[in-house]
Amino acid sequence: RVAIKWLRPGDTVSAERFLREVRVAQQVAPFCTAQVLATGA
């Protein structure tokens, strides 16, 4: 089981930029956080 947050609609360029920005969250060490496993669109 995983949790998936699906964001509200936006334009394609913004979606691509969003995914590039949010991938940095996968670098967070798993101390008391919910680990980010993947991104997609």
All heavy atoms as atom14 arrays in JSON, in Angstrom:
{
  "sequence": "RVAIKWLRPGDTVSAERFLREVRVAQQVAPFCTAQVLATGA",
  "atom14_mask": [
    [1, 1, 1, 1, 1, 1, 1, 1, 1, 1, 1, 0, 0, 0],
    [1, 1, 1, 1, 1, 1, 1, 0, 0, 0, 0, 0, 0, 0],
    [1, 1, 1, 1, 1, 0, 0, 0, 0, 0, 0, 0, 0, 0],
    [1, 1, 1, 1, 1, 1, 1, 1, 0, 0, 0, 0, 0, 0],
    [1, 1, 1, 1, 1, 1, 1, 1, 1, 0, 0, 0, 0, 0],
    [1, 1, 1, 1, 1, 1, 1, 1, 1, 1, 1, 1, 1, 1],
    [1, 1, 1, 1, 1, 1, 1, 1, 0, 0, 0, 0, 0, 0],
    [1, 1, 1, 1, 1, 1, 1, 1, 1, 1, 1, 0, 0, 0],
    [1, 1, 1, 1, 1, 1, 1, 0, 0, 0, 0, 0, 0, 0],
    [1, 1, 1, 1, 0, 0, 0, 0, 0, 0, 0, 0, 0, 0],
    [1, 1, 1, 1, 1, 1, 1, 1, 0, 0, 0, 0, 0, 0],
    [1, 1, 1, 1, 1, 1, 1, 0, 0, 0, 0, 0, 0, 0],
    [1, 1, 1, 1, 1, 1, 1, 0, 0, 0, 0, 0, 0, 0],
    [1, 1, 1, 1, 1, 1, 0, 0, 0, 0, 0, 0, 0, 0],
    [1, 1, 1, 1, 1, 0, 0, 0, 0, 0, 0, 0, 0, 0],
    [1, 1, 1, 1, 1, 1, 1, 1, 1, 0, 0, 0, 0, 0],
    [1, 1, 1, 1, 1, 1, 1, 1, 1, 1, 1, 0, 0, 0],
    [1, 1, 1, 1, 1, 1, 1, 1, 1, 1, 1, 0, 0, 0],
    [1, 1, 1, 1, 1, 1, 1, 1, 0, 0, 0, 0, 0, 0],
    [1, 1, 1, 1, 1, 1, 1, 1, 1, 1, 1, 0, 0, 0],
    [1, 1, 1, 1, 1, 1, 1, 1, 1, 0, 0, 0, 0, 0],
    [1, 1, 1, 1, 1, 1, 1, 0, 0, 0, 0, 0, 0, 0],
    [1, 1, 1, 1, 1, 1, 1, 1, 1, 1, 1, 0, 0, 0],
    [1, 1, 1, 1, 1, 1, 1, 0, 0, 0, 0, 0, 0, 0],
    [1, 1, 1, 1, 1, 0, 0, 0, 0, 0, 0, 0, 0, 0],
    [1, 1, 1, 1, 1, 1, 1, 1, 1, 0, 0, 0, 0, 0],
    [1, 1, 1, 1, 1, 1, 1, 1, 1, 0, 0, 0, 0, 0],
    [1, 1, 1, 1, 1, 1, 1, 0, 0, 0, 0, 0, 0, 0],
    [1, 1, 1, 1, 1, 0, 0, 0, 0, 0, 0, 0, 0, 0],
    [1, 1, 1, 1, 1, 1, 1, 0, 0, 0, 0, 0, 0, 0],
    [1, 1, 1, 1, 1, 1, 1, 1, 1, 1, 1, 0, 0, 0],
    [1, 1, 1, 1, 1, 1, 0, 0, 0, 0, 0, 0, 0, 0],
    [1, 1, 1, 1, 1, 1, 1, 0, 0, 0, 0, 0, 0, 0],
    [1, 1, 1, 1, 1, 0, 0, 0, 0, 0, 0, 0, 0, 0],
    [1, 1, 1, 1, 1, 1, 1, 1, 1, 0, 0, 0, 0, 0],
    [1, 1, 1, 1, 1, 1, 1, 0, 0, 0, 0, 0, 0, 0],
    [1, 1, 1, 1, 1, 1, 1, 1, 0, 0, 0, 0, 0, 0],
    [1, 1, 1, 1, 1, 0, 0, 0, 0, 0, 0, 0, 0, 0],
    [1, 1, 1, 1, 1, 1, 1, 0, 0, 0, 0, 0, 0, 0],
    [1, 1, 1, 1, 0, 0, 0, 0, 0, 0, 0, 0, 0, 0],
    [1, 1, 1, 1, 1, 0, 0, 0, 0, 0, 0, 0, 0, 0]
  ],
  "atom14_positions": [
    [[0.82, -1.21, 0.0], [0.0, 0.0, 0.0], [0.85, 1.26, 0.0], [1.87, 1.33, 0.69], [-0.95, 0.0, 1.2], [-2.04, -1.07, 1.1], [-3.08, -0.91, 2.18], [-4.24, -1.76, 1.92], [-5.38, -1.69, 2.59], [-5.51, -0.81, 3.58], [-6.39, -2.48, 2.28], [0.0, 0.0, 0.0], [0.0, 0.0, 0.0], [0.0, 0.0, 0.0]],
    [[0.4, 2.24, -0.75], [1.06, 3.54, -0.83], [-0.01, 4.62, -0.8], [-1.2, 4.34, -0.98], [1.9, 3.68, -2.12], [3.04, 2.67, -2.15], [1.01, 3.54, -3.36], [0.0, 0.0, 0.0], [0.0, 0.0, 0.0], [0.0, 0.0, 0.0], [0.0, 0.0, 0.0], [0.0, 0.0, 0.0], [0.0, 0.0, 0.0], [0.0, 0.0, 0.0]],
    [[0.42, 5.84, -0.56], [-0.48, 6.99, -0.66], [-0.1, 7.79, -1.9], [1.08, 8.0, -2.17], [-0.37, 7.87, 0.59], [0.0, 0.0, 0.0], [0.0, 0.0, 0.0], [0.0, 0.0, 0.0], [0.0, 0.0, 0.0], [0.0, 0.0, 0.0], [0.0, 0.0, 0.0], [0.0, 0.0, 0.0], [0.0, 0.0, 0.0], [0.0, 0.0, 0.0]],
    [[-1.11, 8.22, -2.67], [-0.87, 8.99, -3.89], [-1.65, 10.29, -3.82], [-2.87, 10.28, -3.63], [-1.28, 8.22, -5.16], [-0.52, 6.9, -5.26], [-1.03, 9.08, -6.4], [-0.83, 6.12, -6.51], [0.0, 0.0, 0.0], [0.0, 0.0, 0.0], [0.0, 0.0, 0.0], [0.0, 0.0, 0.0], [0.0, 0.0, 0.0], [0.0, 0.0, 0.0]],
    [[-0.93, 11.39, -3.97], [-1.58, 12.7, -4.04], [-1.63, 13.12, -5.5], [-0.59, 13.31, -6.14], [-0.83, 13.73, -3.2], [-1.56, 15.07, -3.12], [-1.03, 15.94, -2.0], [-1.93, 17.14, -1.76], [-1.53, 17.9, -0.55], [0.0, 0.0, 0.0], [0.0, 0.0, 0.0], [0.0, 0.0, 0.0], [0.0, 0.0, 0.0], [0.0, 0.0, 0.0]],
    [[-2.85, 13.28, -6.03], [-3.06, 13.67, -7.42], [-3.52, 15.11, -7.44], [-4.58, 15.45, -6.9], [-4.1, 12.76, -8.07], [-4.11, 12.81, -9.57], [-3.09, 13.11, -10.39], [-5.22, 12.5, -10.41], [-3.47, 13.02, -11.7], [-4.78, 12.64, -11.75], [-6.53, 12.09, -10.18], [-5.61, 12.41, -12.85], [-7.37, 11.86, -11.27], [-6.92, 12.01, -12.58]],
    [[-2.72, 15.98, -8.02], [-3.0, 17.4, -7.95], [-4.08, 17.85, -8.92], [-4.39, 17.15, -9.89], [-1.72, 18.21, -8.16], [-0.96, 18.47, -6.85], [-0.28, 17.21, -6.35], [0.05, 19.58, -7.03], [0.0, 0.0, 0.0], [0.0, 0.0, 0.0], [0.0, 0.0, 0.0], [0.0, 0.0, 0.0], [0.0, 0.0, 0.0], [0.0, 0.0, 0.0]],
    [[-4.62, 19.03, -8.64], [-5.64, 19.62, -9.5], [-5.08, 19.86, -10.9], [-3.87, 19.99, -11.09], [-6.12, 20.95, -8.92], [-6.68, 20.86, -7.52], [-7.99, 20.13, -7.49], [-8.54, 20.08, -6.14], [-9.5, 19.25, -5.76], [-10.0, 18.38, -6.63], [-9.96, 19.27, -4.53], [0.0, 0.0, 0.0], [0.0, 0.0, 0.0], [0.0, 0.0, 0.0]],
    [[-5.96, 19.97, -11.91], [-5.49, 20.19, -13.28], [-4.72, 21.49, -13.42], [-4.99, 22.49, -12.76], [-6.79, 20.23, -14.11], [-7.79, 19.52, -13.27], [-7.42, 19.8, -11.84], [0.0, 0.0, 0.0], [0.0, 0.0, 0.0], [0.0, 0.0, 0.0], [0.0, 0.0, 0.0], [0.0, 0.0, 0.0], [0.0, 0.0, 0.0], [0.0, 0.0, 0.0]],
    [[-3.71, 21.46, -14.3], [-2.93, 22.65, -14.65], [-2.43, 22.47, -16.05], [-2.75, 21.49, -16.73], [0.0, 0.0, 0.0], [0.0, 0.0, 0.0], [0.0, 0.0, 0.0], [0.0, 0.0, 0.0], [0.0, 0.0, 0.0], [0.0, 0.0, 0.0], [0.0, 0.0, 0.0], [0.0, 0.0, 0.0], [0.0, 0.0, 0.0], [0.0, 0.0, 0.0]],
    [[-1.63, 23.38, -16.57], [-1.13, 23.2, -17.92], [0.04, 22.24, -17.94], [0.68, 21.98, -16.93], [-0.74, 24.55, -18.55], [0.37, 25.23, -17.76], [1.52, 24.8, -17.94], [0.06, 26.15, -16.98], [0.0, 0.0, 0.0], [0.0, 0.0, 0.0], [0.0, 0.0, 0.0], [0.0, 0.0, 0.0], [0.0, 0.0, 0.0], [0.0, 0.0, 0.0]],
    [[0.32, 21.7, -19.13], [1.33, 20.64, -19.26], [2.71, 21.09, -18.8], [3.42, 20.38, -18.11], [1.41, 20.18, -20.74], [0.12, 19.75, -21.15], [2.4, 19.04, -20.89], [0.0, 0.0, 0.0], [0.0, 0.0, 0.0], [0.0, 0.0, 0.0], [0.0, 0.0, 0.0], [0.0, 0.0, 0.0], [0.0, 0.0, 0.0], [0.0, 0.0, 0.0]],
    [[3.09, 22.32, -19.18], [4.42, 22.81, -18.79], [4.53, 22.86, -17.28], [5.53, 22.47, -16.69], [4.67, 24.19, -19.41], [5.98, 24.78, -18.88], [4.71, 24.09, -20.93], [0.0, 0.0, 0.0], [0.0, 0.0, 0.0], [0.0, 0.0, 0.0], [0.0, 0.0, 0.0], [0.0, 0.0, 0.0], [0.0, 0.0, 0.0], [0.0, 0.0, 0.0]],
    [[3.46, 23.32, -16.61], [3.51, 23.41, -15.16], [3.62, 22.02, -14.54], [4.3, 21.85, -13.54], [2.26, 24.12, -14.64], [2.26, 25.47, -15.05], [0.0, 0.0, 0.0], [0.0, 0.0, 0.0], [0.0, 0.0, 0.0], [0.0, 0.0, 0.0], [0.0, 0.0, 0.0], [0.0, 0.0, 0.0], [0.0, 0.0, 0.0], [0.0, 0.0, 0.0]],
    [[2.93, 21.03, -15.11], [3.0, 19.68, -14.57], [4.43, 19.14, -14.66], [4.95, 18.54, -13.72], [2.04, 18.76, -15.32], [0.0, 0.0, 0.0], [0.0, 0.0, 0.0], [0.0, 0.0, 0.0], [0.0, 0.0, 0.0], [0.0, 0.0, 0.0], [0.0, 0.0, 0.0], [0.0, 0.0, 0.0], [0.0, 0.0, 0.0], [0.0, 0.0, 0.0]],
    [[5.09, 19.37, -15.81], [6.46, 18.89, -15.97], [7.4, 19.6, -14.99], [8.27, 18.98, -14.38], [6.92, 19.13, -17.41], [6.19, 18.26, -18.43], [6.54, 18.63, -19.85], [7.25, 19.63, -20.03], [6.09, 17.92, -20.77], [0.0, 0.0, 0.0], [0.0, 0.0, 0.0], [0.0, 0.0, 0.0], [0.0, 0.0, 0.0], [0.0, 0.0, 0.0]],
    [[7.23, 20.9, -14.86], [8.07, 21.65, -13.91], [7.82, 21.19, -12.49], [8.74, 21.07, -11.69], [7.78, 23.15, -14.05], [8.32, 23.77, -15.31], [8.01, 25.26, -15.36], [8.63, 25.94, -14.24], [8.21, 27.11, -13.76], [7.16, 27.69, -14.3], [8.83, 27.68, -12.75], [0.0, 0.0, 0.0], [0.0, 0.0, 0.0], [0.0, 0.0, 0.0]],
    [[6.55, 20.93, -12.17], [6.22, 20.49, -10.83], [6.95, 19.19, -10.5], [7.53, 19.04, -9.42], [4.71, 20.27, -10.71], [4.28, 19.76, -9.36], [3.96, 20.63, -8.34], [4.23, 18.39, -9.1], [3.58, 20.15, -7.1], [3.86, 17.91, -7.87], [3.53, 18.79, -6.86], [0.0, 0.0, 0.0], [0.0, 0.0, 0.0], [0.0, 0.0, 0.0]],
    [[6.93, 18.23, -11.43], [7.57, 16.95, -11.17], [9.07, 17.11, -10.99], [9.68, 16.45, -10.15], [7.28, 15.98, -12.32], [5.82, 15.51, -12.4], [5.62, 14.63, -13.62], [5.41, 14.77, -11.14], [0.0, 0.0, 0.0], [0.0, 0.0, 0.0], [0.0, 0.0, 0.0], [0.0, 0.0, 0.0], [0.0, 0.0, 0.0], [0.0, 0.0, 0.0]],
    [[9.71, 18.01, -11.76], [11.14, 18.24, -11.57], [11.41, 18.83, -10.19], [12.38, 18.48, -9.52], [11.66, 19.19, -12.66], [11.77, 18.55, -14.03], [12.66, 19.38, -14.93], [12.16, 20.73, -15.14], [11.36, 21.08, -16.14], [10.94, 20.17, -17.0], [10.98, 22.33, -16.26], [0.0, 0.0, 0.0], [0.0, 0.0, 0.0], [0.0, 0.0, 0.0]],
    [[10.54, 19.74, -9.76], [10.73, 20.39, -8.47], [10.53, 19.4, -7.32], [11.28, 19.4, -6.34], [9.76, 21.57, -8.31], [10.06, 22.75, -9.21], [11.29, 23.52, -8.75], [11.63, 23.43, -7.55], [11.9, 24.2, -9.58], [0.0, 0.0, 0.0], [0.0, 0.0, 0.0], [0.0, 0.0, 0.0], [0.0, 0.0, 0.0], [0.0, 0.0, 0.0]],
    [[9.5, 18.55, -7.42], [9.14, 17.72, -6.28], [10.06, 16.52, -6.12], [10.12, 15.91, -5.06], [7.67, 17.26, -6.39], [7.54, 16.03, -7.28], [7.07, 16.97, -5.0], [0.0, 0.0, 0.0], [0.0, 0.0, 0.0], [0.0, 0.0, 0.0], [0.0, 0.0, 0.0], [0.0, 0.0, 0.0], [0.0, 0.0, 0.0], [0.0, 0.0, 0.0]],
    [[10.83, 16.17, -7.18], [11.72, 15.01, -7.08], [12.79, 15.18, -6.02], [13.33, 14.2, -5.53], [12.36, 14.72, -8.44], [11.42, 13.98, -9.38], [12.05, 13.72, -10.73], [11.05, 13.18, -11.63], [10.9, 13.56, -12.89], [11.7, 14.48, -13.4], [9.97, 13.03, -13.65], [0.0, 0.0, 0.0], [0.0, 0.0, 0.0], [0.0, 0.0, 0.0]],
    [[13.09, 16.44, -5.69], [14.1, 16.65, -4.65], [13.62, 16.1, -3.31], [14.43, 15.76, -2.44], [14.43, 18.16, -4.52], [13.29, 18.93, -3.88], [15.72, 18.37, -3.74], [0.0, 0.0, 0.0], [0.0, 0.0, 0.0], [0.0, 0.0, 0.0], [0.0, 0.0, 0.0], [0.0, 0.0, 0.0], [0.0, 0.0, 0.0], [0.0, 0.0, 0.0]],
    [[12.29, 15.96, -3.13], [11.76, 15.41, -1.88], [12.19, 13.96, -1.67], [12.19, 13.47, -0.53], [10.24, 15.5, -1.86], [0.0, 0.0, 0.0], [0.0, 0.0, 0.0], [0.0, 0.0, 0.0], [0.0, 0.0, 0.0], [0.0, 0.0, 0.0], [0.0, 0.0, 0.0], [0.0, 0.0, 0.0], [0.0, 0.0, 0.0], [0.0, 0.0, 0.0]],
    [[12.59, 13.26, -2.75], [13.05, 11.89, -2.61], [14.42, 11.82, -1.94], [14.87, 10.75, -1.57], [13.09, 11.21, -3.98], [11.71, 11.01, -4.58], [11.76, 10.35, -5.94], [11.85, 11.0, -6.97], [11.71, 9.04, -5.96], [0.0, 0.0, 0.0], [0.0, 0.0, 0.0], [0.0, 0.0, 0.0], [0.0, 0.0, 0.0], [0.0, 0.0, 0.0]],
    [[15.09, 12.97, -1.78], [16.4, 13.0, -1.14], [16.3, 13.05, 0.38], [17.31, 12.93, 1.06], [17.18, 14.22, -1.62], [17.4, 14.26, -3.13], [18.08, 15.54, -3.57], [18.56, 16.3, -2.75], [18.12, 15.78, -4.86], [0.0, 0.0, 0.0], [0.0, 0.0, 0.0], [0.0, 0.0, 0.0], [0.0, 0.0, 0.0], [0.0, 0.0, 0.0]],
    [[15.09, 13.25, 0.91], [14.95, 13.42, 2.35], [15.19, 12.1, 3.07], [14.58, 11.08, 2.73], [13.55, 13.97, 2.7], [13.37, 14.05, 4.21], [13.37, 15.35, 2.08], [0.0, 0.0, 0.0], [0.0, 0.0, 0.0], [0.0, 0.0, 0.0], [0.0, 0.0, 0.0], [0.0, 0.0, 0.0], [0.0, 0.0, 0.0], [0.0, 0.0, 0.0]],
    [[16.07, 12.11, 4.05], [16.32, 10.92, 4.86], [15.06, 10.57, 5.65], [14.33, 11.46, 6.1], [17.48, 11.16, 5.81], [0.0, 0.0, 0.0], [0.0, 0.0, 0.0], [0.0, 0.0, 0.0], [0.0, 0.0, 0.0], [0.0, 0.0, 0.0], [0.0, 0.0, 0.0], [0.0, 0.0, 0.0], [0.0, 0.0, 0.0], [0.0, 0.0, 0.0]],
    [[14.76, 9.28, 5.83], [13.47, 8.88, 6.4], [13.41, 8.98, 7.92], [13.1, 8.03, 8.62], [13.36, 7.41, 5.95], [14.77, 6.94, 5.89], [15.58, 8.13, 5.42], [0.0, 0.0, 0.0], [0.0, 0.0, 0.0], [0.0, 0.0, 0.0], [0.0, 0.0, 0.0], [0.0, 0.0, 0.0], [0.0, 0.0, 0.0], [0.0, 0.0, 0.0]],
    [[13.74, 10.16, 8.46], [13.6, 10.38, 9.89], [12.23, 11.0, 10.15], [12.01, 12.17, 9.89], [14.69, 11.33, 10.41], [16.06, 10.72, 10.42], [16.95, 10.97, 9.4], [16.47, 9.91, 11.46], [18.21, 10.44, 9.41], [17.75, 9.36, 11.48], [18.61, 9.62, 10.45], [0.0, 0.0, 0.0], [0.0, 0.0, 0.0], [0.0, 0.0, 0.0]],
    [[11.3, 10.22, 10.67], [9.99, 10.73, 11.08], [9.24, 11.4, 9.94], [8.46, 12.33, 10.16], [10.13, 11.7, 12.26], [11.0, 10.99, 13.67], [0.0, 0.0, 0.0], [0.0, 0.0, 0.0], [0.0, 0.0, 0.0], [0.0, 0.0, 0.0], [0.0, 0.0, 0.0], [0.0, 0.0, 0.0], [0.0, 0.0, 0.0], [0.0, 0.0, 0.0]],
    [[9.46, 10.95, 8.71], [8.72, 11.47, 7.57], [8.12, 10.31, 6.8], [8.51, 9.15, 6.98], [9.64, 12.26, 6.62], [10.66, 11.39, 6.12], [10.26, 13.45, 7.31], [0.0, 0.0, 0.0], [0.0, 0.0, 0.0], [0.0, 0.0, 0.0], [0.0, 0.0, 0.0], [0.0, 0.0, 0.0], [0.0, 0.0, 0.0], [0.0, 0.0, 0.0]],
    [[7.16, 10.63, 5.93], [6.62, 9.64, 5.0], [7.47, 9.72, 3.74], [7.46, 10.73, 3.04], [5.16, 9.92, 4.7], [0.0, 0.0, 0.0], [0.0, 0.0, 0.0], [0.0, 0.0, 0.0], [0.0, 0.0, 0.0], [0.0, 0.0, 0.0], [0.0, 0.0, 0.0], [0.0, 0.0, 0.0], [0.0, 0.0, 0.0], [0.0, 0.0, 0.0]],
    [[8.2, 8.69, 3.44], [9.17, 8.72, 2.34], [8.47, 8.89, 1.0], [7.49, 8.21, 0.69], [9.98, 7.43, 2.33], [11.07, 7.4, 1.27], [11.81, 6.08, 1.27], [11.55, 5.21, 2.1], [12.72, 5.92, 0.34], [0.0, 0.0, 0.0], [0.0, 0.0, 0.0], [0.0, 0.0, 0.0], [0.0, 0.0, 0.0], [0.0, 0.0, 0.0]],
    [[8.98, 9.81, 0.18], [8.48, 9.98, -1.18], [9.11, 8.88, -2.04], [10.33, 8.75, -2.11], [8.83, 11.37, -1.74], [8.4, 11.48, -3.2], [8.14, 12.45, -0.91], [0.0, 0.0, 0.0], [0.0, 0.0, 0.0], [0.0, 0.0, 0.0], [0.0, 0.0, 0.0], [0.0, 0.0, 0.0], [0.0, 0.0, 0.0], [0.0, 0.0, 0.0]],
    [[8.26, 8.08, -2.7], [8.74, 6.92, -3.43], [8.85, 7.15, -4.93], [9.74, 6.6, -5.57], [7.8, 5.72, -3.18], [7.58, 5.35, -1.71], [6.49, 4.3, -1.59], [8.87, 4.84, -1.09], [0.0, 0.0, 0.0], [0.0, 0.0, 0.0], [0.0, 0.0, 0.0], [0.0, 0.0, 0.0], [0.0, 0.0, 0.0], [0.0, 0.0, 0.0]],
    [[7.94, 7.92, -5.5], [7.93, 8.1, -6.95], [7.07, 9.3, -7.31], [6.31, 9.82, -6.48], [7.41, 6.84, -7.65], [0.0, 0.0, 0.0], [0.0, 0.0, 0.0], [0.0, 0.0, 0.0], [0.0, 0.0, 0.0], [0.0, 0.0, 0.0], [0.0, 0.0, 0.0], [0.0, 0.0, 0.0], [0.0, 0.0, 0.0], [0.0, 0.0, 0.0]],
    [[7.19, 9.74, -8.56], [6.33, 10.79, -9.1], [5.89, 10.38, -10.48], [6.48, 9.49, -11.11], [7.07, 12.14, -9.18], [8.2, 12.0, -10.04], [7.51, 12.61, -7.81], [0.0, 0.0, 0.0], [0.0, 0.0, 0.0], [0.0, 0.0, 0.0], [0.0, 0.0, 0.0], [0.0, 0.0, 0.0], [0.0, 0.0, 0.0], [0.0, 0.0, 0.0]],
    [[4.87, 11.02, -10.98], [4.37, 10.72, -12.32], [3.3, 11.72, -12.7], [3.0, 12.66, -11.97], [0.0, 0.0, 0.0], [0.0, 0.0, 0.0], [0.0, 0.0, 0.0], [0.0, 0.0, 0.0], [0.0, 0.0, 0.0], [0.0, 0.0, 0.0], [0.0, 0.0, 0.0], [0.0, 0.0, 0.0], [0.0, 0.0, 0.0], [0.0, 0.0, 0.0]],
    [[2.72, 11.52, -13.87], [1.65, 12.39, -14.33], [0.61, 11.55, -15.05], [0.93, 10.58, -15.74], [2.18, 13.48, -15.24], [0.0, 0.0, 0.0], [0.0, 0.0, 0.0], [0.0, 0.0, 0.0], [0.0, 0.0, 0.0], [0.0, 0.0, 0.0], [0.0, 0.0, 0.0], [0.0, 0.0, 0.0], [0.0, 0.0, 0.0], [0.0, 0.0, 0.0]]
  ]
}
